[in-house]
N, C-alpha and C. Protein backbone atom coordinates (compact mmCIF):
# COMPACT_ATOMS: atom_id res chain seq x y z
N UNK A 1 109.55 85.70 126.23
CA UNK A 1 108.81 84.44 126.39
C UNK A 1 108.57 83.82 125.02
N UNK A 2 108.86 82.55 124.90
CA UNK A 2 108.75 81.90 123.59
C UNK A 2 107.59 80.92 123.51
N UNK A 3 106.78 80.80 124.56
CA UNK A 3 105.66 79.87 124.53
C UNK A 3 104.64 80.31 123.49
N UNK A 4 103.99 79.35 122.87
CA UNK A 4 102.94 79.65 121.90
C UNK A 4 101.61 79.10 122.39
N UNK A 5 100.66 79.01 121.46
CA UNK A 5 99.33 78.54 121.82
C UNK A 5 98.67 77.94 120.58
N UNK A 6 97.75 77.04 120.79
CA UNK A 6 96.97 76.45 119.71
C UNK A 6 95.61 77.13 119.64
N UNK A 7 95.06 77.21 118.45
CA UNK A 7 93.76 77.84 118.30
C UNK A 7 93.05 77.38 117.04
N UNK A 8 91.82 77.85 116.88
CA UNK A 8 91.02 77.56 115.70
C UNK A 8 90.62 78.85 115.02
N UNK A 9 90.71 78.85 113.70
CA UNK A 9 90.35 80.03 112.93
C UNK A 9 88.84 80.18 112.90
N UNK A 10 88.34 81.33 113.33
CA UNK A 10 86.91 81.61 113.33
C UNK A 10 86.50 82.26 112.01
N UNK A 11 87.28 83.20 111.53
CA UNK A 11 86.95 83.89 110.28
C UNK A 11 87.59 85.27 110.27
N UNK A 12 87.29 86.05 109.22
CA UNK A 12 87.85 87.38 109.09
C UNK A 12 86.77 88.44 109.24
N UNK A 13 87.18 89.59 109.74
CA UNK A 13 86.29 90.74 109.87
C UNK A 13 87.17 91.98 109.79
N UNK A 14 86.62 93.10 110.16
CA UNK A 14 87.40 94.34 110.17
C UNK A 14 87.03 95.17 111.37
N UNK A 15 88.00 95.91 111.86
CA UNK A 15 87.76 96.82 112.99
C UNK A 15 88.24 98.20 112.58
N UNK A 16 87.85 99.20 113.36
CA UNK A 16 88.19 100.58 113.05
C UNK A 16 89.05 101.15 114.16
N UNK A 17 90.13 101.82 113.76
CA UNK A 17 91.02 102.48 114.71
C UNK A 17 91.25 103.91 114.24
N UNK A 18 90.58 104.84 114.88
CA UNK A 18 90.68 106.26 114.54
C UNK A 18 90.40 106.49 113.06
N UNK A 19 89.36 105.84 112.54
CA UNK A 19 88.95 106.03 111.17
C UNK A 19 89.67 105.14 110.17
N UNK A 20 90.63 104.35 110.62
CA UNK A 20 91.36 103.45 109.74
C UNK A 20 90.76 102.05 109.82
N UNK A 21 90.46 101.45 108.66
CA UNK A 21 89.92 100.10 108.62
C UNK A 21 91.08 99.10 108.69
N UNK A 22 91.00 98.18 109.65
CA UNK A 22 92.04 97.16 109.81
C UNK A 22 91.42 95.79 109.60
N UNK A 23 91.84 95.04 108.56
CA UNK A 23 91.34 93.67 108.38
C UNK A 23 91.99 92.74 109.39
N UNK A 24 91.20 91.95 110.08
CA UNK A 24 91.73 91.07 111.11
C UNK A 24 91.14 89.67 110.97
N UNK A 25 91.90 88.69 111.44
CA UNK A 25 91.43 87.32 111.55
C UNK A 25 91.12 87.03 113.01
N UNK A 26 89.95 86.50 113.27
CA UNK A 26 89.54 86.17 114.63
C UNK A 26 89.88 84.70 114.89
N UNK A 27 90.63 84.45 115.96
CA UNK A 27 91.07 83.09 116.30
C UNK A 27 90.66 82.79 117.73
N UNK A 28 90.02 81.63 117.90
CA UNK A 28 89.74 81.15 119.26
C UNK A 28 90.97 80.40 119.74
N UNK A 29 91.75 81.04 120.58
CA UNK A 29 93.05 80.50 121.00
C UNK A 29 92.98 80.00 122.44
N UNK A 30 93.13 78.68 122.60
CA UNK A 30 93.12 78.09 123.94
C UNK A 30 91.73 78.05 124.53
N UNK A 31 91.67 77.79 125.83
CA UNK A 31 92.81 77.53 126.72
C UNK A 31 93.46 76.19 126.43
N UNK A 32 94.78 76.15 126.56
CA UNK A 32 95.56 74.93 126.32
C UNK A 32 96.09 74.40 127.66
N UNK A 33 96.25 73.10 127.73
CA UNK A 33 96.73 72.45 128.94
C UNK A 33 98.14 71.93 128.69
N UNK A 34 99.05 72.15 129.62
CA UNK A 34 100.39 71.57 129.52
C UNK A 34 100.29 70.08 129.84
N UNK A 35 100.38 69.26 128.81
CA UNK A 35 100.23 67.81 128.96
C UNK A 35 101.53 67.17 129.41
N UNK A 36 102.66 67.66 128.88
CA UNK A 36 103.94 67.04 129.18
C UNK A 36 105.06 68.06 129.09
N UNK A 37 106.05 67.92 129.99
CA UNK A 37 107.27 68.73 129.93
C UNK A 37 108.40 67.88 129.39
N UNK A 38 109.13 68.41 128.42
CA UNK A 38 110.30 67.72 127.91
C UNK A 38 111.53 68.56 128.25
N UNK A 39 112.48 67.95 128.97
CA UNK A 39 113.62 68.69 129.46
C UNK A 39 114.92 68.11 128.90
N UNK A 40 115.94 68.95 128.85
CA UNK A 40 117.20 68.59 128.21
C UNK A 40 117.86 67.35 128.80
N UNK A 41 117.93 67.18 130.12
CA UNK A 41 118.62 65.98 130.64
C UNK A 41 118.02 64.66 130.16
N UNK A 42 116.71 64.63 129.95
CA UNK A 42 116.06 63.39 129.56
C UNK A 42 115.78 63.32 128.06
N UNK A 43 115.29 64.41 127.49
CA UNK A 43 114.83 64.40 126.10
C UNK A 43 115.76 65.11 125.12
N UNK A 44 116.75 65.84 125.64
CA UNK A 44 117.70 66.52 124.76
C UNK A 44 117.31 67.93 124.38
N UNK A 45 116.13 68.38 124.78
CA UNK A 45 115.70 69.75 124.49
C UNK A 45 114.59 70.12 125.47
N UNK A 46 114.33 71.43 125.57
CA UNK A 46 113.28 71.93 126.46
C UNK A 46 112.06 72.30 125.64
N UNK A 47 110.93 71.69 125.95
CA UNK A 47 109.69 71.98 125.22
C UNK A 47 108.50 71.60 126.08
N UNK A 48 107.36 72.19 125.73
CA UNK A 48 106.09 71.86 126.37
C UNK A 48 105.17 71.26 125.33
N UNK A 49 104.50 70.19 125.72
CA UNK A 49 103.46 69.62 124.85
C UNK A 49 102.12 70.15 125.34
N UNK A 50 101.44 70.90 124.47
CA UNK A 50 100.17 71.50 124.83
C UNK A 50 99.03 70.72 124.20
N UNK A 51 97.93 70.62 124.93
CA UNK A 51 96.72 69.98 124.42
C UNK A 51 95.62 71.01 124.27
N UNK A 52 94.80 70.83 123.23
CA UNK A 52 93.76 71.81 122.93
C UNK A 52 92.49 71.10 122.49
N UNK A 53 91.36 71.65 122.87
CA UNK A 53 90.01 71.22 122.48
C UNK A 53 89.60 69.90 123.17
N UNK A 54 88.79 70.06 124.19
CA UNK A 54 88.31 68.89 124.93
C UNK A 54 87.30 68.09 124.10
N UNK A 55 87.42 66.77 124.21
CA UNK A 55 86.49 65.86 123.55
C UNK A 55 86.12 64.77 124.54
N UNK A 56 85.02 64.03 124.29
CA UNK A 56 84.70 62.89 125.16
C UNK A 56 85.83 61.87 125.18
N UNK A 57 86.14 61.32 126.33
CA UNK A 57 87.26 60.40 126.49
C UNK A 57 87.12 59.19 125.56
N UNK A 58 85.89 58.75 125.30
CA UNK A 58 85.67 57.58 124.47
C UNK A 58 86.09 57.81 123.02
N UNK A 59 86.24 59.08 122.61
CA UNK A 59 86.60 59.38 121.22
C UNK A 59 88.10 59.32 120.97
N UNK A 60 88.90 59.14 122.01
CA UNK A 60 90.34 59.05 121.83
C UNK A 60 90.73 57.62 121.44
N UNK A 61 91.79 57.51 120.63
CA UNK A 61 92.31 56.17 120.34
C UNK A 61 93.14 55.67 121.52
N UNK A 62 93.51 54.41 121.50
CA UNK A 62 94.20 53.81 122.65
C UNK A 62 95.55 54.45 122.96
N UNK A 63 96.38 54.78 121.94
CA UNK A 63 97.64 55.46 122.28
C UNK A 63 97.44 56.78 123.02
N UNK A 64 96.45 57.57 122.60
CA UNK A 64 96.19 58.83 123.29
C UNK A 64 95.63 58.61 124.69
N UNK A 65 94.78 57.60 124.85
CA UNK A 65 94.25 57.29 126.18
C UNK A 65 95.39 56.93 127.13
N UNK A 66 96.35 56.15 126.61
CA UNK A 66 97.48 55.78 127.45
C UNK A 66 98.38 56.96 127.75
N UNK A 67 98.54 57.86 126.80
CA UNK A 67 99.41 59.01 126.99
C UNK A 67 98.79 60.03 127.94
N UNK A 68 97.50 60.29 127.77
CA UNK A 68 96.84 61.29 128.60
C UNK A 68 96.42 60.74 129.96
N UNK A 69 96.29 59.40 130.05
CA UNK A 69 95.85 58.80 131.31
C UNK A 69 94.46 59.25 131.68
N UNK A 70 94.29 59.63 132.92
CA UNK A 70 92.98 60.08 133.40
C UNK A 70 92.82 61.59 133.30
N UNK A 71 93.72 62.21 132.55
CA UNK A 71 93.62 63.66 132.39
C UNK A 71 92.47 64.00 131.45
N UNK A 72 92.27 65.28 131.26
CA UNK A 72 91.22 65.74 130.35
C UNK A 72 91.52 65.24 128.94
N UNK A 73 90.51 64.71 128.27
CA UNK A 73 90.67 64.23 126.90
C UNK A 73 90.79 65.42 125.96
N UNK A 74 91.86 65.43 125.17
CA UNK A 74 92.15 66.55 124.27
C UNK A 74 92.35 66.04 122.85
N UNK A 75 91.80 66.79 121.90
CA UNK A 75 91.84 66.35 120.50
C UNK A 75 93.20 66.62 119.85
N UNK A 76 93.81 67.79 120.15
CA UNK A 76 95.04 68.19 119.45
C UNK A 76 96.19 68.31 120.45
N UNK A 77 97.36 67.80 120.06
CA UNK A 77 98.58 67.92 120.84
C UNK A 77 99.67 68.53 119.96
N UNK A 78 100.46 69.43 120.53
CA UNK A 78 101.54 70.04 119.77
C UNK A 78 102.62 70.54 120.72
N UNK A 79 103.87 70.52 120.25
CA UNK A 79 105.00 70.94 121.08
C UNK A 79 105.43 72.36 120.76
N UNK A 80 105.86 73.07 121.79
CA UNK A 80 106.43 74.40 121.65
C UNK A 80 107.72 74.44 122.46
N UNK A 81 108.83 74.79 121.80
CA UNK A 81 110.09 74.90 122.51
C UNK A 81 110.09 76.16 123.38
N UNK A 82 110.64 76.03 124.57
CA UNK A 82 110.70 77.15 125.51
C UNK A 82 112.11 77.25 126.10
N UNK A 83 112.45 78.42 126.59
CA UNK A 83 113.76 78.62 127.21
C UNK A 83 113.68 78.62 128.72
N UNK A 84 112.50 78.88 129.26
CA UNK A 84 112.30 78.95 130.71
C UNK A 84 111.39 77.81 131.15
N UNK A 85 111.85 76.57 130.94
CA UNK A 85 111.03 75.40 131.19
C UNK A 85 110.63 75.28 132.66
N UNK A 86 111.46 75.81 133.58
CA UNK A 86 111.18 75.68 135.01
C UNK A 86 109.95 76.50 135.43
N UNK A 87 109.52 77.43 134.61
CA UNK A 87 108.37 78.27 134.96
C UNK A 87 107.04 77.60 134.70
N UNK A 88 107.06 76.40 134.11
CA UNK A 88 105.82 75.72 133.75
C UNK A 88 105.73 74.36 134.44
N UNK A 89 104.48 73.95 134.68
CA UNK A 89 104.23 72.66 135.30
C UNK A 89 103.16 71.92 134.52
N UNK A 90 103.20 70.59 134.56
CA UNK A 90 102.19 69.78 133.90
C UNK A 90 100.82 70.09 134.51
N UNK A 91 99.83 70.24 133.65
CA UNK A 91 98.49 70.59 134.10
C UNK A 91 98.21 72.08 134.10
N UNK A 92 99.23 72.90 133.88
CA UNK A 92 99.06 74.35 133.86
C UNK A 92 98.24 74.77 132.64
N UNK A 93 97.45 75.81 132.81
CA UNK A 93 96.61 76.33 131.72
C UNK A 93 97.32 77.49 131.04
N UNK A 94 97.39 77.42 129.71
CA UNK A 94 97.96 78.50 128.90
C UNK A 94 96.82 79.14 128.12
N UNK A 95 96.63 80.45 128.27
CA UNK A 95 95.54 81.13 127.57
C UNK A 95 96.07 82.31 126.76
N UNK A 96 95.14 83.10 126.23
CA UNK A 96 95.55 84.19 125.32
C UNK A 96 96.34 85.29 126.03
N UNK A 97 96.41 85.26 127.33
CA UNK A 97 97.15 86.29 128.06
C UNK A 97 98.66 86.17 127.87
N UNK A 98 99.13 85.11 127.19
CA UNK A 98 100.56 85.04 126.88
C UNK A 98 100.93 86.06 125.81
N UNK A 99 99.92 86.61 125.13
CA UNK A 99 100.15 87.66 124.14
C UNK A 99 99.54 88.97 124.63
N UNK A 100 99.96 90.04 124.00
CA UNK A 100 99.39 91.35 124.30
C UNK A 100 99.31 92.16 123.00
N UNK A 101 98.40 93.12 122.90
CA UNK A 101 98.29 93.91 121.67
C UNK A 101 99.61 94.55 121.28
N UNK A 102 99.92 94.47 119.99
CA UNK A 102 101.16 95.01 119.48
C UNK A 102 102.25 93.98 119.29
N UNK A 103 102.08 92.77 119.85
CA UNK A 103 103.08 91.72 119.68
C UNK A 103 103.15 91.27 118.22
N UNK A 104 104.32 90.80 117.82
CA UNK A 104 104.54 90.24 116.49
C UNK A 104 104.64 88.72 116.63
N UNK A 105 103.84 88.00 115.86
CA UNK A 105 103.77 86.54 115.99
C UNK A 105 103.84 85.88 114.62
N UNK A 106 104.16 84.58 114.64
CA UNK A 106 104.06 83.72 113.46
C UNK A 106 102.85 82.82 113.62
N UNK A 107 102.10 82.63 112.53
CA UNK A 107 100.90 81.78 112.57
C UNK A 107 101.09 80.66 111.55
N UNK A 108 100.93 79.43 112.01
CA UNK A 108 101.12 78.26 111.15
C UNK A 108 99.84 77.47 111.05
N UNK A 109 99.49 77.03 109.84
CA UNK A 109 98.28 76.23 109.63
C UNK A 109 98.37 75.50 108.30
N UNK A 110 97.37 74.68 108.04
CA UNK A 110 97.32 73.95 106.77
C UNK A 110 96.50 74.74 105.77
N UNK A 111 97.12 75.06 104.63
CA UNK A 111 96.46 75.89 103.63
C UNK A 111 95.29 75.17 102.98
N UNK A 112 94.41 75.94 102.35
CA UNK A 112 93.23 75.38 101.71
C UNK A 112 93.65 74.52 100.52
N UNK A 113 93.15 73.30 100.45
CA UNK A 113 93.44 72.43 99.33
C UNK A 113 92.60 72.82 98.11
N UNK A 114 93.24 72.91 96.94
CA UNK A 114 92.54 73.34 95.74
C UNK A 114 92.49 72.25 94.68
N UNK A 115 92.92 71.03 95.05
CA UNK A 115 92.79 69.92 94.14
C UNK A 115 93.92 69.82 93.12
N UNK A 116 93.76 68.89 92.19
CA UNK A 116 94.75 68.63 91.15
C UNK A 116 94.55 69.62 90.00
N UNK A 117 95.64 70.21 89.55
CA UNK A 117 95.52 71.18 88.46
C UNK A 117 96.75 71.12 87.57
N UNK A 118 96.58 71.60 86.33
CA UNK A 118 97.66 71.57 85.35
C UNK A 118 98.60 72.75 85.48
N UNK A 119 99.59 72.78 84.59
CA UNK A 119 100.63 73.80 84.70
C UNK A 119 100.15 75.19 84.32
N UNK A 120 99.09 75.29 83.50
CA UNK A 120 98.60 76.60 83.10
C UNK A 120 98.04 77.34 84.30
N UNK A 121 97.23 76.64 85.10
CA UNK A 121 96.65 77.28 86.27
C UNK A 121 97.62 77.27 87.45
N UNK A 122 98.38 76.20 87.59
CA UNK A 122 99.24 76.07 88.75
C UNK A 122 100.43 77.03 88.72
N UNK A 123 101.04 77.19 87.55
CA UNK A 123 102.24 78.01 87.45
C UNK A 123 102.10 79.18 86.47
N UNK A 124 100.97 79.27 85.76
CA UNK A 124 100.81 80.35 84.81
C UNK A 124 101.56 80.13 83.52
N UNK A 125 101.83 78.87 83.16
CA UNK A 125 102.54 78.58 81.91
C UNK A 125 101.67 78.96 80.71
N UNK A 126 102.31 79.23 79.59
CA UNK A 126 101.59 79.54 78.37
C UNK A 126 100.98 78.29 77.75
N UNK A 127 100.01 78.47 76.89
CA UNK A 127 99.35 77.34 76.24
C UNK A 127 99.60 77.39 74.75
N UNK A 128 99.18 76.31 74.07
CA UNK A 128 99.32 76.26 72.62
C UNK A 128 98.10 76.82 71.93
N UNK A 129 98.04 76.74 70.59
CA UNK A 129 96.87 77.23 69.84
C UNK A 129 95.61 76.47 70.23
N UNK A 130 94.50 77.19 70.31
CA UNK A 130 93.24 76.54 70.68
C UNK A 130 92.40 76.23 69.43
N UNK A 131 92.96 76.46 68.25
CA UNK A 131 92.21 76.24 67.02
C UNK A 131 92.07 74.75 66.72
N UNK A 132 91.12 74.44 65.84
CA UNK A 132 90.88 73.06 65.46
C UNK A 132 92.09 72.49 64.72
N UNK A 133 92.49 71.29 65.11
CA UNK A 133 93.64 70.66 64.48
C UNK A 133 94.88 70.70 65.33
N UNK A 134 94.96 71.64 66.25
CA UNK A 134 96.10 71.68 67.15
C UNK A 134 95.99 70.56 68.17
N UNK A 135 97.08 69.89 68.42
CA UNK A 135 97.08 68.83 69.44
C UNK A 135 97.85 69.26 70.69
N UNK A 136 98.10 70.56 70.78
CA UNK A 136 98.81 71.08 71.95
C UNK A 136 98.04 72.28 72.48
N UNK A 137 97.21 72.04 73.49
CA UNK A 137 96.40 73.11 74.07
C UNK A 137 96.95 73.55 75.43
N UNK A 138 96.71 72.74 76.44
CA UNK A 138 97.14 73.09 77.79
C UNK A 138 98.11 72.05 78.36
N UNK A 139 98.82 71.35 77.50
CA UNK A 139 99.77 70.33 77.93
C UNK A 139 101.05 70.96 78.46
N UNK A 140 101.81 70.26 79.29
CA UNK A 140 103.05 70.83 79.83
C UNK A 140 104.17 70.92 78.81
N UNK A 141 104.10 70.16 77.71
CA UNK A 141 105.17 70.20 76.72
C UNK A 141 106.34 69.33 77.12
N UNK A 142 107.50 69.59 76.52
CA UNK A 142 108.69 68.80 76.81
C UNK A 142 109.11 68.97 78.26
N UNK A 143 109.53 67.86 78.87
CA UNK A 143 109.97 67.92 80.27
C UNK A 143 111.45 67.61 80.40
N UNK A 144 112.17 67.55 79.27
CA UNK A 144 113.60 67.33 79.35
C UNK A 144 114.16 66.80 78.05
N UNK A 145 115.48 66.56 78.04
CA UNK A 145 116.15 66.05 76.85
C UNK A 145 116.00 64.53 76.77
N UNK A 146 116.73 63.89 75.86
CA UNK A 146 116.58 62.46 75.63
C UNK A 146 117.59 61.63 76.41
N UNK A 147 118.49 61.00 75.68
CA UNK A 147 119.45 60.08 76.32
C UNK A 147 120.27 60.79 77.38
N UNK A 148 120.66 62.01 77.11
CA UNK A 148 121.39 62.80 78.11
C UNK A 148 120.50 63.93 78.58
N UNK A 149 120.13 64.03 79.83
CA UNK A 149 120.64 63.25 80.97
C UNK A 149 119.88 61.94 81.21
N UNK A 150 118.84 61.66 80.45
CA UNK A 150 118.12 60.41 80.63
C UNK A 150 117.20 60.41 81.83
N UNK A 151 116.88 61.58 82.34
CA UNK A 151 115.96 61.68 83.48
C UNK A 151 115.35 63.08 83.51
N UNK A 152 114.40 63.28 84.37
CA UNK A 152 113.78 64.59 84.54
C UNK A 152 114.41 65.26 85.75
N UNK A 153 114.87 66.48 85.60
CA UNK A 153 115.50 67.19 86.70
C UNK A 153 114.49 67.49 87.81
N UNK A 154 114.97 67.44 89.04
CA UNK A 154 114.12 67.76 90.18
C UNK A 154 113.69 69.22 90.12
N UNK A 155 112.48 69.50 90.56
CA UNK A 155 111.97 70.86 90.57
C UNK A 155 111.26 71.27 89.31
N UNK A 156 111.12 70.35 88.37
CA UNK A 156 110.43 70.66 87.13
C UNK A 156 108.97 71.01 87.39
N UNK A 157 108.48 72.09 86.80
CA UNK A 157 107.09 72.49 86.99
C UNK A 157 106.18 71.55 86.21
N UNK A 158 105.36 70.81 86.95
CA UNK A 158 104.47 69.82 86.34
C UNK A 158 103.12 69.86 87.02
N UNK A 159 102.12 69.20 86.43
CA UNK A 159 100.81 69.17 87.09
C UNK A 159 100.88 68.51 88.45
N UNK A 160 99.97 68.88 89.33
CA UNK A 160 99.95 68.29 90.66
C UNK A 160 98.94 68.96 91.56
N UNK A 161 98.96 68.57 92.81
CA UNK A 161 98.02 69.13 93.78
C UNK A 161 98.46 70.52 94.21
N UNK A 162 97.49 71.37 94.41
CA UNK A 162 97.75 72.74 94.84
C UNK A 162 97.16 72.94 96.23
N UNK A 163 97.94 73.57 97.11
CA UNK A 163 97.47 73.81 98.47
C UNK A 163 97.61 72.58 99.35
N UNK A 164 96.87 72.58 100.47
CA UNK A 164 96.87 71.47 101.43
C UNK A 164 98.28 71.21 101.95
N UNK A 165 99.00 72.30 102.29
CA UNK A 165 100.34 72.18 102.85
C UNK A 165 100.44 73.02 104.12
N UNK A 166 101.39 72.64 104.97
CA UNK A 166 101.63 73.43 106.17
C UNK A 166 102.32 74.74 105.78
N UNK A 167 101.67 75.85 106.10
CA UNK A 167 102.16 77.18 105.71
C UNK A 167 102.33 78.04 106.97
N UNK A 168 103.42 78.78 107.02
CA UNK A 168 103.66 79.71 108.13
C UNK A 168 103.68 81.13 107.60
N UNK A 169 102.82 81.96 108.15
CA UNK A 169 102.82 83.39 107.82
C UNK A 169 103.52 84.12 108.96
N UNK A 170 104.59 84.82 108.63
CA UNK A 170 105.44 85.42 109.66
C UNK A 170 105.14 86.90 109.88
N UNK A 171 105.48 87.32 111.08
CA UNK A 171 105.46 88.74 111.46
C UNK A 171 104.09 89.38 111.30
N UNK A 172 103.09 88.73 111.86
CA UNK A 172 101.75 89.31 111.91
C UNK A 172 101.56 90.00 113.26
N UNK A 173 100.78 91.06 113.26
CA UNK A 173 100.61 91.86 114.48
C UNK A 173 99.35 91.47 115.22
N UNK A 174 99.48 91.33 116.54
CA UNK A 174 98.32 91.11 117.40
C UNK A 174 97.63 92.45 117.61
N UNK A 175 96.39 92.54 117.15
CA UNK A 175 95.66 93.80 117.27
C UNK A 175 94.96 93.90 118.61
N UNK A 176 94.35 92.80 119.03
CA UNK A 176 93.58 92.82 120.28
C UNK A 176 93.41 91.41 120.80
N UNK A 177 93.20 91.28 122.10
CA UNK A 177 92.86 89.99 122.69
C UNK A 177 91.60 90.16 123.55
N UNK A 178 90.81 89.10 123.61
CA UNK A 178 89.59 89.09 124.41
C UNK A 178 89.66 87.91 125.36
N UNK A 179 90.30 88.07 126.54
CA UNK A 179 90.49 86.94 127.46
C UNK A 179 89.19 86.27 127.90
N UNK A 180 88.12 87.06 127.98
CA UNK A 180 86.85 86.50 128.44
C UNK A 180 86.34 85.42 127.49
N UNK A 181 86.53 85.62 126.18
CA UNK A 181 86.04 84.68 125.18
C UNK A 181 87.16 83.87 124.53
N UNK A 182 88.38 84.00 125.06
CA UNK A 182 89.54 83.29 124.51
C UNK A 182 89.76 83.61 123.03
N UNK A 183 89.61 84.87 122.68
CA UNK A 183 89.77 85.30 121.29
C UNK A 183 91.01 86.16 121.14
N UNK A 184 91.65 86.02 119.98
CA UNK A 184 92.78 86.86 119.63
C UNK A 184 92.56 87.37 118.21
N UNK A 185 92.74 88.67 118.01
CA UNK A 185 92.54 89.30 116.70
C UNK A 185 93.91 89.64 116.13
N UNK A 186 94.20 89.06 114.95
CA UNK A 186 95.49 89.23 114.31
C UNK A 186 95.31 89.96 112.99
N UNK A 187 96.15 90.95 112.75
CA UNK A 187 96.03 91.75 111.53
C UNK A 187 96.39 90.93 110.30
N UNK A 188 95.51 90.95 109.30
CA UNK A 188 95.77 90.25 108.05
C UNK A 188 95.18 88.86 108.03
N UNK A 189 95.56 88.09 107.01
CA UNK A 189 95.02 86.75 106.79
C UNK A 189 95.98 85.70 107.31
N UNK A 190 95.44 84.56 107.72
CA UNK A 190 96.24 83.43 108.17
C UNK A 190 95.85 82.21 107.36
N UNK A 191 96.69 81.18 107.32
CA UNK A 191 96.40 80.01 106.49
C UNK A 191 95.19 79.23 106.97
N UNK A 192 94.58 78.48 106.04
CA UNK A 192 93.57 77.50 106.41
C UNK A 192 92.14 77.97 106.26
N UNK A 193 91.25 77.00 106.45
CA UNK A 193 89.82 77.25 106.37
C UNK A 193 89.28 77.65 107.74
N UNK A 194 88.05 78.08 107.77
CA UNK A 194 87.41 78.37 109.05
C UNK A 194 87.27 77.06 109.83
N UNK A 195 87.67 77.10 111.08
CA UNK A 195 87.66 75.88 111.90
C UNK A 195 88.96 75.13 111.85
N UNK A 196 89.93 75.58 111.05
CA UNK A 196 91.22 74.89 110.93
C UNK A 196 92.10 75.17 112.14
N UNK A 197 92.96 74.20 112.46
CA UNK A 197 93.87 74.32 113.59
C UNK A 197 95.03 75.23 113.25
N UNK A 198 95.43 76.09 114.21
CA UNK A 198 96.53 77.03 114.02
C UNK A 198 97.49 76.96 115.18
N UNK A 199 98.76 77.19 114.87
CA UNK A 199 99.80 77.36 115.89
C UNK A 199 100.24 78.83 115.89
N UNK A 200 100.13 79.47 117.04
CA UNK A 200 100.49 80.88 117.16
C UNK A 200 101.67 80.98 118.13
N UNK A 201 102.76 81.57 117.70
CA UNK A 201 103.93 81.68 118.58
C UNK A 201 104.75 82.90 118.19
N UNK A 202 105.64 83.27 119.11
CA UNK A 202 106.55 84.37 118.83
C UNK A 202 107.61 83.92 117.83
N UNK A 203 108.14 84.84 117.02
CA UNK A 203 109.20 84.46 116.07
C UNK A 203 110.41 83.91 116.80
N UNK A 204 111.13 83.02 116.10
CA UNK A 204 112.35 82.46 116.68
C UNK A 204 112.17 81.04 117.15
C-alpha cells in the first residue's frame, strides 16, 4: 500500500523497550479525508488528494470554498500517488491505521528557518585575521576570476538564508501507533518545528 497521511509534529520524547531508550517524535496524524480522486484516463496519473485539519468554513478563501463545495472545511490539501485507486472513494477517512509498528516510512516537512548568515557559519569557511588593521575578517573572499569567465559559477558557496526548505528524512521506523488519539510515534527526529505540517508515506 502506497497511501500516506498528513500530520502535525507534536514534539519529541523517549520510550523504553526492554531497558533500551528509544528517542521518538510524536505526530498527530490525521484523520484525513479523501477530497478528490485523480485517475489515469482523465488526469494522466492515479492519486488521492487528502485534506487535513478542520477549520471554520468562513476561514477558507474563495478558490478552496469552490473546490471543497459543501464538504468539511479543511486547512491543508496534499496529493499522494497510489497504485490501487479503485480501493478508495471520495469522502473516505484515512487514519493512522494505514501504518503498523515496524513499518519504514519517509517523513517530509519544512525545516526550521535560521535566517540569513555568512559563509563562516553557513559552510564553515575559514576567516581572516581578527587583529586591528585587517580588513578581512569574516568576508567570503574572491568569488571568481576576472574577464575569463566573466561570471560567477553556479553553486558557489556564498552568504544566504539557512533552513526553511522542504526536507525529506527517509527510512524512519514506526515505533508505535495510538489510533484512539490519532498519534504515531516515529523513531528519531523529523523536519520542522512543533506544530509544523508533515507528510508521512511509504518509500517509493
